[in-house]
Amino acid sequence: GSLLPATGQGGSIRTDQKETEFIDVDRLGLVLVTDVDERTRGGVRSNSEPPKLAYRVDDDRLGLNYTMPQMAPRPPIEAVKIETDHGPYVSPLQPVNPWSYSLNVYPNYNFRKFRADEDKFNMLHRDFIDAVQAAESGGFSLNVGFEVSKRIGDITYMNTGVEYISSTTEVAYNFTNFREATINDQGVITGYNLKEQTEQITFSGRNTYHYLNIPLSFSYQPWATDHVRLNIEMGGSFLYFVAAKGQTLNYKTLEIIDLSEREYRNYIGSLCFKVGANYYVSRRINVGFEPTIMYFTNTIYTEDYPFYVIPYSVGLNLNLQVKLN
């Protein structure tokens, strides 16, 4: 059973009790070596030990005309790439139904941009602009709405609905009216006359402008934890004017008038952007904290007025949302 040199022929080696036979097998130098038990030489070979292959260095001397098959090299094994789509994390509190219907209640803080129309400046009392800018400031308003949302991705939504919203300003007028404007038939102020007796104008309150709002927005709402969900939302809305309540000044005479006496645009648009977070108490109730910017795209008054009033709101919306399904 040992390694033997190849001779190109078969042969045997006699030991005390065994005879070792060897045969050259191929050109690659492999030698088949078997041991024959002395006691079984009569024709029965012992199978206690299997034949063994020995390596022959010298391959010029061949025992058998047999060539071992040549193995073709295997191509390298490349790792198989398995594409897995885990997707964004989704909380168990996310509703299974892609459609959701909810009631929203949210207060916000309103401002407005006020400026005169330079082409119609001769239709404004000279003291009107200063009086309004000193007396009117932003105020809080409370909005309610019915929202319909459709999930269009794992955490992406399209939102619409109808809302009753308002834009509010706090007013506190306190100034002296000491001159009277001279107005011609075309409504143009041609000059001023000093009053024989000055008039102190003093009043305060809240001016509120009410609208029906139909929003359309798209939002991306990734989950931070099982209960906390972020919200990035952008869109626009179509507003229909309902009513205006409060008091203000006549822009030509500085007399106190009701807001209902003015003429307003019936339709107006707005743009909205939100970034915030919502805490889900359950699948149906969540409380939101959303810094929001809402900007009206035009003045709330008709084109006949010589000034522009463009409301906008900036601040932290506190949103209570109750889902109906």
Protein backbone atom coordinates (compact mmCIF):
# COMPACT_ATOMS: atom_id res chain seq x y z
CA GLY A 1 0.00 0.00 0.00
CA SER A 2 2.97 2.35 -0.38
CA LEU A 3 3.95 4.84 -3.08
CA LEU A 4 6.02 3.09 -5.79
CA PRO A 5 7.94 4.35 -8.77
CA ALA A 6 6.36 3.63 -12.13
CA THR A 7 8.26 1.25 -14.41
CA GLY A 8 6.04 1.27 -17.45
CA GLN A 9 5.20 -2.39 -16.78
CA GLY A 10 3.35 -4.40 -14.20
CA GLY A 11 5.11 -6.38 -11.52
CA SER A 12 5.11 -7.68 -7.98
CA ILE A 13 7.16 -7.49 -4.83
CA ARG A 14 7.36 -10.44 -2.44
CA THR A 15 7.35 -9.85 1.29
CA ASP A 16 7.20 -12.39 4.14
CA GLN A 17 3.48 -12.91 3.94
CA LYS A 18 2.25 -10.61 1.21
CA GLU A 19 2.93 -10.00 -2.39
CA THR A 20 2.46 -6.46 -3.57
CA GLU A 21 1.35 -6.02 -7.17
CA PHE A 22 1.54 -2.73 -9.02
CA ILE A 23 0.43 -1.67 -12.46
CA ASP A 24 1.02 1.64 -14.24
CA VAL A 25 -2.42 2.92 -15.13
CA ASP A 26 -2.07 6.10 -17.19
CA ARG A 27 0.20 8.70 -18.59
CA LEU A 28 -0.42 11.01 -15.70
CA GLY A 29 1.68 8.90 -13.36
CA LEU A 30 -0.97 7.07 -11.36
CA VAL A 31 0.00 3.57 -10.22
CA LEU A 32 -2.56 1.06 -8.99
CA VAL A 33 -1.09 -0.83 -6.04
CA THR A 34 -2.71 -3.89 -4.41
CA ASP A 35 -1.63 -6.25 -1.66
CA VAL A 36 -2.16 -9.98 -2.13
CA ASP A 37 -2.46 -12.02 1.03
CA GLU A 38 -0.12 -15.00 0.91
CA ARG A 39 -2.87 -17.23 2.20
CA THR A 40 -5.28 -16.29 -0.60
CA ARG A 41 -3.00 -16.63 -3.61
CA GLY A 42 -4.87 -19.63 -4.75
CA GLY A 43 -7.27 -17.43 -6.64
CA VAL A 44 -9.19 -15.51 -4.01
CA ARG A 45 -8.05 -11.97 -3.43
CA SER A 46 -8.56 -10.41 -0.03
CA ASN A 47 -10.94 -7.47 -0.07
CA SER A 48 -9.92 -6.22 3.32
CA GLU A 49 -7.97 -3.39 1.75
CA PRO A 50 -9.12 -1.57 -1.39
CA PRO A 51 -6.76 -0.86 -4.29
CA LYS A 52 -4.77 2.31 -3.90
CA LEU A 53 -3.56 4.90 -6.38
CA ALA A 54 0.03 6.04 -6.23
CA TYR A 55 1.47 8.98 -8.12
CA ARG A 56 4.19 8.30 -10.70
CA VAL A 57 6.61 11.13 -11.36
CA ASP A 58 8.20 9.69 -14.48
CA ASP A 59 5.47 9.49 -17.11
CA ASP A 60 7.72 8.36 -20.01
CA ARG A 61 7.46 4.70 -19.02
CA LEU A 62 3.85 3.66 -19.54
CA GLY A 63 2.20 0.55 -18.26
CA LEU A 64 -1.17 0.89 -20.00
CA ASN A 65 -2.22 2.85 -23.05
CA TYR A 66 -4.89 4.81 -21.16
CA THR A 67 -5.30 8.55 -20.86
CA MET A 68 -7.15 10.09 -17.94
CA PRO A 69 -9.91 12.48 -19.05
CA GLN A 70 -8.99 16.14 -18.96
CA MET A 71 -11.28 18.21 -16.75
CA ALA A 72 -12.30 21.54 -18.24
CA PRO A 73 -11.85 24.44 -15.82
CA ARG A 74 -15.05 25.53 -14.16
CA PRO A 75 -16.17 29.11 -14.62
CA PRO A 76 -15.95 31.19 -11.44
CA ILE A 77 -19.05 31.10 -9.29
CA GLU A 78 -20.62 34.51 -8.98
CA ALA A 79 -22.72 35.50 -6.03
CA VAL A 80 -26.38 35.81 -6.91
CA LYS A 81 -27.81 39.21 -6.04
CA ILE A 82 -31.29 38.96 -4.59
CA GLU A 83 -33.19 42.20 -4.77
CA THR A 84 -35.29 42.85 -1.68
CA ASP A 85 -37.77 45.68 -1.37
CA HIS A 86 -38.27 46.37 2.31
CA GLY A 87 -40.05 49.72 1.78
CA PRO A 88 -40.57 52.38 4.44
CA TYR A 89 -41.55 51.45 7.97
CA VAL A 90 -45.31 51.30 8.51
CA SER A 91 -46.80 51.43 12.01
CA PRO A 92 -49.51 48.96 13.05
CA LEU A 93 -51.67 52.04 13.72
CA GLN A 94 -51.77 52.94 10.02
CA PRO A 95 -55.30 52.20 8.74
CA VAL A 96 -55.56 49.25 6.38
CA ASN A 97 -58.18 50.96 4.21
CA PRO A 98 -56.45 53.32 1.72
CA TRP A 99 -59.41 55.72 1.97
CA SER A 100 -59.90 57.73 5.15
CA TYR A 101 -62.51 60.28 6.19
CA SER A 102 -61.92 62.63 9.10
CA LEU A 103 -63.11 65.72 10.91
CA ASN A 104 -60.41 68.35 11.48
CA VAL A 105 -60.41 71.21 13.98
CA TYR A 106 -57.45 73.58 13.97
CA PRO A 107 -56.79 77.14 15.13
CA ASN A 108 -54.13 79.29 13.48
CA TYR A 109 -52.72 82.79 13.63
CA ASN A 110 -53.46 85.17 10.76
CA PHE A 111 -51.65 88.11 9.23
CA ARG A 112 -52.30 90.17 6.14
CA LYS A 113 -50.37 92.18 3.61
CA PHE A 114 -51.80 95.67 3.19
CA ARG A 115 -50.63 98.18 0.58
CA ALA A 116 -52.04 100.95 -1.59
CA ASP A 117 -52.48 100.81 -5.35
CA GLU A 118 -50.13 103.49 -6.66
CA ASP A 119 -52.29 104.03 -9.74
CA LYS A 120 -55.29 104.89 -7.53
CA PHE A 121 -53.54 106.75 -4.77
CA ASN A 122 -55.61 109.89 -5.41
CA MET A 123 -58.72 107.96 -4.31
CA LEU A 124 -57.37 107.36 -0.79
CA HIS A 125 -57.52 109.70 2.16
CA ARG A 126 -53.94 110.56 3.08
CA ASP A 127 -54.46 109.48 6.69
CA PHE A 128 -56.17 106.18 5.84
CA ILE A 129 -53.05 104.09 5.22
CA ASP A 130 -51.32 105.22 8.41
CA ALA A 131 -54.45 104.69 10.51
CA VAL A 132 -55.03 101.14 9.25
CA GLN A 133 -51.43 100.03 9.59
CA ALA A 134 -51.26 101.34 13.17
CA ALA A 135 -54.60 99.87 14.28
CA GLU A 136 -54.94 96.43 12.66
CA SER A 137 -52.84 93.38 13.54
CA GLY A 138 -53.00 89.61 13.29
CA GLY A 139 -55.41 87.43 15.21
CA PHE A 140 -56.42 83.85 15.97
CA SER A 141 -59.08 81.99 14.05
CA LEU A 142 -60.70 78.57 14.40
CA ASN A 143 -61.19 76.37 11.34
CA VAL A 144 -63.17 73.16 10.94
CA GLY A 145 -63.33 70.79 8.02
CA PHE A 146 -64.18 67.40 6.57
CA GLU A 147 -61.20 65.71 4.91
CA VAL A 148 -61.00 62.84 2.45
CA SER A 149 -57.59 61.17 1.98
CA LYS A 150 -56.50 58.46 -0.44
CA ARG A 151 -53.26 56.58 0.13
CA ILE A 152 -51.49 56.46 -3.25
CA GLY A 153 -48.22 54.95 -1.99
CA ASP A 154 -46.89 53.23 1.10
CA ILE A 155 -46.88 56.54 3.02
CA THR A 156 -47.98 59.05 0.35
CA TYR A 157 -51.46 60.58 0.31
CA MET A 158 -53.71 62.76 -1.81
CA ASN A 159 -56.02 64.95 0.30
CA THR A 160 -59.14 66.99 -0.39
CA GLY A 161 -62.40 67.89 1.33
CA VAL A 162 -64.28 70.99 2.40
CA GLU A 163 -63.47 73.41 5.23
CA TYR A 164 -65.03 76.42 6.89
CA ILE A 165 -62.14 78.78 7.56
CA SER A 166 -61.75 82.38 8.63
CA SER A 167 -59.12 85.10 8.52
CA THR A 168 -59.10 87.34 11.58
CA THR A 169 -57.49 90.67 12.46
CA GLU A 170 -57.53 92.50 15.77
CA VAL A 171 -58.42 96.19 15.46
CA ALA A 172 -57.75 99.04 17.88
CA TYR A 173 -58.28 102.46 16.28
CA ASN A 174 -57.39 105.58 18.19
CA PHE A 175 -56.45 108.64 16.11
CA THR A 176 -57.52 112.22 15.44
CA ASN A 177 -59.28 113.13 12.21
CA PHE A 178 -58.39 116.78 11.65
CA ARG A 179 -58.96 117.25 7.89
CA GLU A 180 -61.70 116.51 5.42
CA ALA A 181 -61.12 115.38 1.86
CA THR A 182 -62.66 117.17 -1.13
CA ILE A 183 -64.03 114.56 -3.55
CA ASN A 184 -65.18 115.23 -7.14
CA ASP A 185 -67.86 113.41 -9.12
CA GLN A 186 -65.41 110.73 -10.31
CA GLY A 187 -64.51 109.84 -6.72
CA VAL A 188 -61.07 111.43 -6.93
CA ILE A 189 -59.76 113.39 -3.93
CA THR A 190 -58.75 116.83 -5.16
CA GLY A 191 -57.76 118.47 -1.86
CA TYR A 192 -58.26 118.75 1.92
CA ASN A 193 -59.89 121.22 4.27
CA LEU A 194 -59.04 121.53 7.95
CA LYS A 195 -61.98 120.73 10.19
CA GLU A 196 -63.24 123.44 12.49
CA GLN A 197 -63.51 120.81 15.20
CA THR A 198 -61.27 117.74 15.22
CA GLU A 199 -62.78 114.29 15.66
CA GLN A 200 -61.30 111.52 17.78
CA ILE A 201 -61.84 108.13 16.17
CA THR A 202 -61.77 105.32 18.73
CA PHE A 203 -63.06 101.76 18.41
CA SER A 204 -61.73 98.22 18.76
CA GLY A 205 -62.79 94.65 18.11
CA ARG A 206 -62.20 91.79 15.73
CA ASN A 207 -62.64 91.71 11.98
CA THR A 208 -63.35 88.27 10.58
CA TYR A 209 -63.59 87.14 6.95
CA HIS A 210 -65.31 83.78 6.40
CA TYR A 211 -64.69 81.36 3.51
CA LEU A 212 -65.59 77.91 2.29
CA ASN A 213 -62.34 76.22 1.35
CA ILE A 214 -61.86 73.25 -1.00
CA PRO A 215 -58.23 72.12 -0.66
CA LEU A 216 -56.20 69.73 -2.80
CA SER A 217 -52.81 68.64 -1.49
CA PHE A 218 -50.26 65.84 -1.54
CA SER A 219 -48.51 64.68 1.61
CA TYR A 220 -45.58 62.44 2.52
CA GLN A 221 -46.11 60.90 5.97
CA PRO A 222 -43.22 58.72 7.21
CA TRP A 223 -43.52 56.98 10.58
CA ALA A 224 -40.93 57.95 13.20
CA THR A 225 -42.27 55.47 15.79
CA ASP A 226 -45.39 53.37 16.21
CA HIS A 227 -47.29 56.44 17.45
CA VAL A 228 -45.45 59.45 15.94
CA ARG A 229 -45.88 60.25 12.28
CA LEU A 230 -44.27 63.11 10.37
CA ASN A 231 -46.15 65.08 7.73
CA ILE A 232 -44.78 67.06 4.78
CA GLU A 233 -47.66 68.50 2.77
CA MET A 234 -48.01 70.94 -0.11
CA GLY A 235 -50.97 72.03 -2.18
CA GLY A 236 -53.49 74.71 -3.03
CA SER A 237 -57.14 75.49 -2.46
CA PHE A 238 -60.17 77.19 -3.94
CA LEU A 239 -62.01 79.58 -1.60
CA TYR A 240 -65.54 80.94 -1.81
CA PHE A 241 -66.31 84.14 0.12
CA VAL A 242 -69.16 83.79 2.64
CA ALA A 243 -69.25 86.87 4.87
CA ALA A 244 -67.23 89.57 6.63
CA LYS A 245 -67.98 90.82 10.13
CA GLY A 246 -66.52 93.76 12.00
CA GLN A 247 -65.83 97.48 11.57
CA THR A 248 -63.31 99.51 9.62
CA LEU A 249 -62.82 102.97 8.07
CA ASN A 250 -64.17 104.46 4.90
CA TYR A 251 -61.03 104.94 2.83
CA LYS A 252 -62.13 108.38 1.55
CA THR A 253 -63.85 110.02 4.53
CA LEU A 254 -62.41 108.05 7.51
CA GLU A 255 -65.92 107.41 8.79
CA ILE A 256 -66.59 104.18 10.71
CA ILE A 257 -68.38 101.58 8.54
CA ASP A 258 -69.29 97.90 8.75
CA LEU A 259 -67.22 95.39 6.78
CA SER A 260 -70.41 94.10 5.18
CA GLU A 261 -70.67 97.38 3.25
CA ARG A 262 -67.59 96.59 1.19
CA GLU A 263 -67.46 94.46 -1.97
CA TYR A 264 -65.36 91.29 -1.95
CA ARG A 265 -64.10 88.80 -4.49
CA ASN A 266 -66.42 85.81 -4.51
CA TYR A 267 -63.64 83.41 -5.51
CA ILE A 268 -59.99 83.37 -4.61
CA GLY A 269 -57.14 80.87 -4.44
CA SER A 270 -54.48 80.06 -1.88
CA LEU A 271 -51.26 78.07 -1.51
CA CYS A 272 -50.42 75.93 1.51
CA PHE A 273 -47.31 74.24 2.92
CA LYS A 274 -47.11 72.17 6.12
CA VAL A 275 -44.32 70.42 8.00
CA GLY A 276 -45.18 68.81 11.30
CA ALA A 277 -45.84 65.70 13.36
CA ASN A 278 -48.92 63.81 14.51
CA TYR A 279 -49.31 61.63 17.59
CA TYR A 280 -51.65 58.70 17.00
CA VAL A 281 -53.63 57.82 20.11
CA SER A 282 -55.33 55.10 18.06
CA ARG A 283 -56.06 54.40 14.43
CA ARG A 284 -58.94 56.87 14.56
CA ILE A 285 -57.69 59.73 16.73
CA ASN A 286 -54.50 61.75 16.38
CA VAL A 287 -53.26 65.13 17.55
CA GLY A 288 -51.05 67.17 15.24
CA PHE A 289 -48.55 69.98 15.63
CA GLU A 290 -47.94 71.48 12.21
CA PRO A 291 -46.11 74.71 11.35
CA THR A 292 -48.15 75.94 8.39
CA ILE A 293 -47.97 78.67 5.78
CA MET A 294 -51.15 79.58 3.91
CA TYR A 295 -51.02 82.46 1.44
CA PHE A 296 -53.92 83.95 -0.51
CA THR A 297 -53.06 84.46 -4.17
CA ASN A 298 -54.96 87.76 -4.55
CA THR A 299 -56.56 90.63 -2.67
CA ILE A 300 -59.86 89.90 -0.96
CA TYR A 301 -61.48 93.06 -2.40
CA THR A 302 -62.66 93.74 -5.93
CA GLU A 303 -60.55 95.66 -8.41
CA ASP A 304 -62.44 98.91 -7.72
CA TYR A 305 -60.67 99.39 -4.39
CA PRO A 306 -57.47 101.48 -4.34
CA PHE A 307 -55.66 99.13 -1.94
CA TYR A 308 -54.80 95.46 -1.58
CA VAL A 309 -55.45 93.19 1.39
CA ILE A 310 -53.86 89.74 1.03
CA PRO A 311 -54.33 87.44 4.06
CA TYR A 312 -51.81 84.80 5.04
CA SER A 313 -51.27 82.66 8.09
CA VAL A 314 -48.00 81.55 9.64
CA GLY A 315 -47.69 79.61 12.83
CA LEU A 316 -48.20 76.36 14.63
CA ASN A 317 -51.46 74.65 13.84
CA LEU A 318 -52.83 72.52 16.67
CA ASN A 319 -54.84 69.89 14.87
CA LEU A 320 -57.32 67.40 16.35
CA GLN A 321 -58.27 64.74 13.78
CA VAL A 322 -61.00 62.14 14.27
CA LYS A 323 -61.32 59.51 11.52
CA LEU A 324 -64.82 58.35 10.67
CA ASN A 325 -63.93 54.93 9.22
